[in-house]
Every structure is written in structure tokens, then in C-alpha cells.
N, C-alpha and C. Protein backbone atom coordinates (compact mmCIF):
# COMPACT_ATOMS: atom_id res chain seq x y z
N LEU A 1 129.34 119.93 127.21
CA LEU A 1 128.11 119.14 126.91
C LEU A 1 128.39 117.85 126.85
N ASP A 2 127.58 117.01 127.52
CA ASP A 2 127.62 115.40 127.42
C ASP A 2 126.62 114.89 126.45
N ILE A 3 127.35 114.37 125.60
CA ILE A 3 126.29 113.83 124.51
C ILE A 3 126.46 112.21 124.56
N THR A 4 126.87 111.51 125.63
CA THR A 4 126.87 110.30 125.79
C THR A 4 125.52 109.50 125.63
N GLU A 5 124.54 110.14 126.19
CA GLU A 5 123.05 109.50 126.30
C GLU A 5 122.61 109.63 124.78
N ASP A 6 122.91 110.55 124.19
CA ASP A 6 122.40 110.75 122.64
C ASP A 6 123.02 109.83 122.02
N ARG A 7 124.55 109.45 121.90
CA ARG A 7 125.00 108.54 121.04
C ARG A 7 124.46 107.11 121.47
N ARG A 8 124.09 106.85 122.56
CA ARG A 8 123.83 105.51 123.12
C ARG A 8 122.16 105.42 122.48
N ARG A 9 121.49 106.38 122.36
CA ARG A 9 120.19 106.28 121.79
C ARG A 9 120.24 106.00 120.27
N GLU A 10 121.19 106.89 119.68
CA GLU A 10 121.39 106.71 118.23
C GLU A 10 121.89 105.45 117.83
N THR A 11 122.80 104.77 118.66
CA THR A 11 123.19 103.53 118.56
C THR A 11 122.17 102.43 118.60
N ALA A 12 121.46 102.45 119.60
CA ALA A 12 120.27 101.57 119.90
C ALA A 12 119.28 101.74 118.65
N LEU A 13 118.92 102.90 118.27
CA LEU A 13 117.93 103.09 117.19
C LEU A 13 118.52 102.50 115.82
N ARG A 14 119.93 102.73 115.58
CA ARG A 14 120.36 102.10 114.39
C ARG A 14 120.41 100.36 114.59
N ASN A 15 120.53 100.04 115.78
CA ASN A 15 120.70 98.45 115.98
C ASN A 15 119.22 97.89 115.73
N ALA A 16 118.16 98.69 116.16
CA ALA A 16 116.81 98.36 116.02
C ALA A 16 116.41 98.11 114.63
N GLU A 17 116.85 99.40 113.86
CA GLU A 17 116.51 99.52 112.47
C GLU A 17 117.19 98.27 111.74
N LYS A 18 118.49 97.96 112.18
CA LYS A 18 119.00 96.95 111.33
C LYS A 18 118.29 95.48 111.52
N ARG A 19 117.81 95.21 112.97
CA ARG A 19 117.25 94.02 113.19
C ARG A 19 115.79 94.05 112.42
N PHE A 20 115.05 95.10 112.40
CA PHE A 20 113.80 95.11 111.63
C PHE A 20 114.07 94.80 110.10
N GLN A 21 115.07 95.34 109.45
CA GLN A 21 115.33 95.35 107.94
C GLN A 21 115.77 93.78 107.90
N THR A 22 116.53 93.08 108.75
CA THR A 22 116.78 91.62 108.57
C THR A 22 115.58 91.04 108.61
N ALA A 23 114.58 91.16 109.66
CA ALA A 23 113.34 90.42 109.76
C ALA A 23 112.46 90.55 108.43
N PHE A 24 112.37 91.78 108.09
CA PHE A 24 111.71 92.17 107.04
C PHE A 24 112.12 91.57 105.77
N ASP A 25 113.55 91.51 105.27
CA ASP A 25 113.96 91.10 104.12
C ASP A 25 114.08 89.58 104.13
N ASN A 26 114.08 88.93 105.29
CA ASN A 26 114.09 87.42 105.44
C ASN A 26 112.97 86.66 105.99
N ALA A 27 111.86 87.30 105.79
CA ALA A 27 110.53 86.88 106.33
C ALA A 27 110.09 85.90 105.24
N SER A 28 109.44 84.73 105.73
CA SER A 28 109.07 83.91 104.64
C SER A 28 107.59 84.29 104.11
N VAL A 29 107.00 85.28 104.77
CA VAL A 29 105.64 85.75 104.18
C VAL A 29 105.92 87.14 103.68
N GLY A 30 104.91 87.39 102.58
CA GLY A 30 105.04 88.66 102.13
C GLY A 30 104.71 89.78 102.87
N ILE A 31 105.43 90.88 102.85
CA ILE A 31 105.37 91.86 103.77
C ILE A 31 105.43 93.18 102.94
N VAL A 32 104.50 94.14 103.00
CA VAL A 32 104.42 95.35 102.19
C VAL A 32 104.33 96.43 103.26
N ILE A 33 105.04 97.70 103.00
CA ILE A 33 104.80 98.98 103.65
C ILE A 33 104.35 99.82 102.52
N SER A 34 103.18 100.56 102.81
CA SER A 34 102.42 101.22 101.87
C SER A 34 102.18 102.64 102.36
N GLU A 35 101.95 103.64 101.45
CA GLU A 35 101.30 104.75 101.79
C GLU A 35 99.82 104.66 101.90
N PRO A 36 99.08 105.67 102.67
CA PRO A 36 97.72 105.38 102.89
C PRO A 36 96.81 105.23 101.57
N ASP A 37 97.29 105.66 100.50
CA ASP A 37 96.66 105.48 99.15
C ASP A 37 97.06 104.10 98.51
N GLY A 38 97.93 103.26 99.07
CA GLY A 38 98.19 101.96 98.74
C GLY A 38 99.31 101.71 97.94
N THR A 39 99.94 102.88 97.76
CA THR A 39 101.32 103.03 96.83
C THR A 39 102.34 102.25 97.61
N PHE A 40 103.14 101.37 97.04
CA PHE A 40 104.15 100.61 97.82
C PHE A 40 105.23 101.54 98.07
N ILE A 41 105.75 101.45 99.39
CA ILE A 41 107.03 102.15 99.82
C ILE A 41 108.04 101.10 99.74
N GLU A 42 107.75 100.00 100.45
CA GLU A 42 108.87 98.74 100.35
C GLU A 42 108.20 97.49 100.48
N PHE A 43 108.91 96.51 100.05
CA PHE A 43 108.13 95.36 100.01
C PHE A 43 109.35 94.21 100.03
N ASN A 44 109.23 93.14 100.59
CA ASN A 44 110.20 91.94 100.64
C ASN A 44 110.06 91.11 99.24
N LYS A 45 111.14 90.27 99.15
CA LYS A 45 111.32 89.25 98.33
C LYS A 45 110.12 88.14 98.32
N ALA A 46 109.70 87.95 99.42
CA ALA A 46 108.42 86.77 99.52
C ALA A 46 107.33 87.54 98.96
N PHE A 47 107.08 88.73 98.92
CA PHE A 47 105.85 89.39 98.58
C PHE A 47 105.92 89.41 96.98
N CYS A 48 107.08 89.54 96.53
CA CYS A 48 107.49 89.60 94.88
C CYS A 48 107.11 87.96 94.35
N GLN A 49 107.52 87.26 95.25
CA GLN A 49 107.36 85.65 94.81
C GLN A 49 105.75 85.39 94.90
N MET A 50 105.15 85.82 95.84
CA MET A 50 103.62 85.50 96.22
C MET A 50 102.85 86.11 95.01
N THR A 51 103.11 87.37 94.66
CA THR A 51 102.36 88.05 93.48
C THR A 51 102.89 87.66 92.19
N GLY A 52 104.34 87.24 92.07
CA GLY A 52 104.66 86.80 90.78
C GLY A 52 105.22 88.00 90.01
N TYR A 53 105.26 89.05 90.71
CA TYR A 53 105.78 90.39 90.04
C TYR A 53 107.24 90.57 90.45
N ALA A 54 108.10 91.18 89.43
CA ALA A 54 109.51 91.52 89.80
C ALA A 54 109.48 92.76 90.57
N ALA A 55 110.45 92.82 91.43
CA ALA A 55 110.56 94.23 92.28
C ALA A 55 110.32 95.60 91.23
N GLU A 56 110.98 95.59 90.20
CA GLU A 56 110.88 96.69 89.33
C GLU A 56 109.47 96.92 88.98
N GLU A 57 108.63 95.95 88.83
CA GLU A 57 107.15 96.05 88.23
C GLU A 57 106.38 96.61 89.40
N LEU A 58 106.72 96.31 90.67
CA LEU A 58 106.03 96.79 91.97
C LEU A 58 106.36 98.19 92.26
N HIS A 59 107.54 98.89 92.01
CA HIS A 59 107.80 100.10 92.34
C HIS A 59 106.68 101.17 91.94
N ASN A 60 106.14 102.04 92.64
CA ASN A 60 105.26 103.00 92.47
C ASN A 60 104.10 102.45 91.90
N ASN A 61 103.82 101.20 92.23
CA ASN A 61 102.28 100.67 91.94
C ASN A 61 101.54 100.57 93.14
N THR A 62 100.46 100.37 93.23
CA THR A 62 99.41 100.00 94.21
C THR A 62 98.85 98.74 94.35
N PHE A 63 98.23 98.44 95.40
CA PHE A 63 97.64 97.21 95.57
C PHE A 63 96.44 96.85 94.45
N THR A 64 95.60 98.05 94.19
CA THR A 64 94.81 97.97 93.18
C THR A 64 95.12 97.54 91.92
N VAL A 65 96.27 97.96 91.39
CA VAL A 65 96.94 97.56 90.31
C VAL A 65 97.41 96.15 90.09
N ILE A 66 97.92 95.53 91.07
CA ILE A 66 98.45 94.21 91.04
C ILE A 66 97.57 93.17 91.50
N LEU A 67 96.66 93.47 92.45
CA LEU A 67 95.85 92.39 93.23
C LEU A 67 94.36 92.42 92.40
N HIS A 68 93.86 91.28 92.22
CA HIS A 68 92.53 91.26 91.63
C HIS A 68 91.64 90.90 92.42
């Protein structure tokens, strides 16, 4: 069984994920990934700076809790 193509796809996916994470983490604008109910899944440092909340305060919170 030749798994060469599967390995190539896995490598390409890992590389794409690394590029996304780097862009997300280093963006100069606040970015949030959330559940449909608004619960934060992930956010970047710029979002913390923009809202004035520490990352620990944002975990498991929603937009309605922190935004007025």
C-alpha cells in the first residue's frame, strides 16, 4: 500500500495550519473564533488589547459578556 500521497497531504495540511496560526497570532487586528452561541474558542493578543481583557478573563466567555 503506497501512502506517499497521504503523507504529502498531511504535510501540506500541517504547513497550512502553521501559516494560519502564525497569521492569527501576529495579526495587528483583533480576531476571534467563536461557537455559534458566541462562546470564544480562540482569540489573539490583539483582541485582548482591543478589549482590555486578559486572556484568562476571556476563556469561556461570550461577546455579550464583554462587549457593551
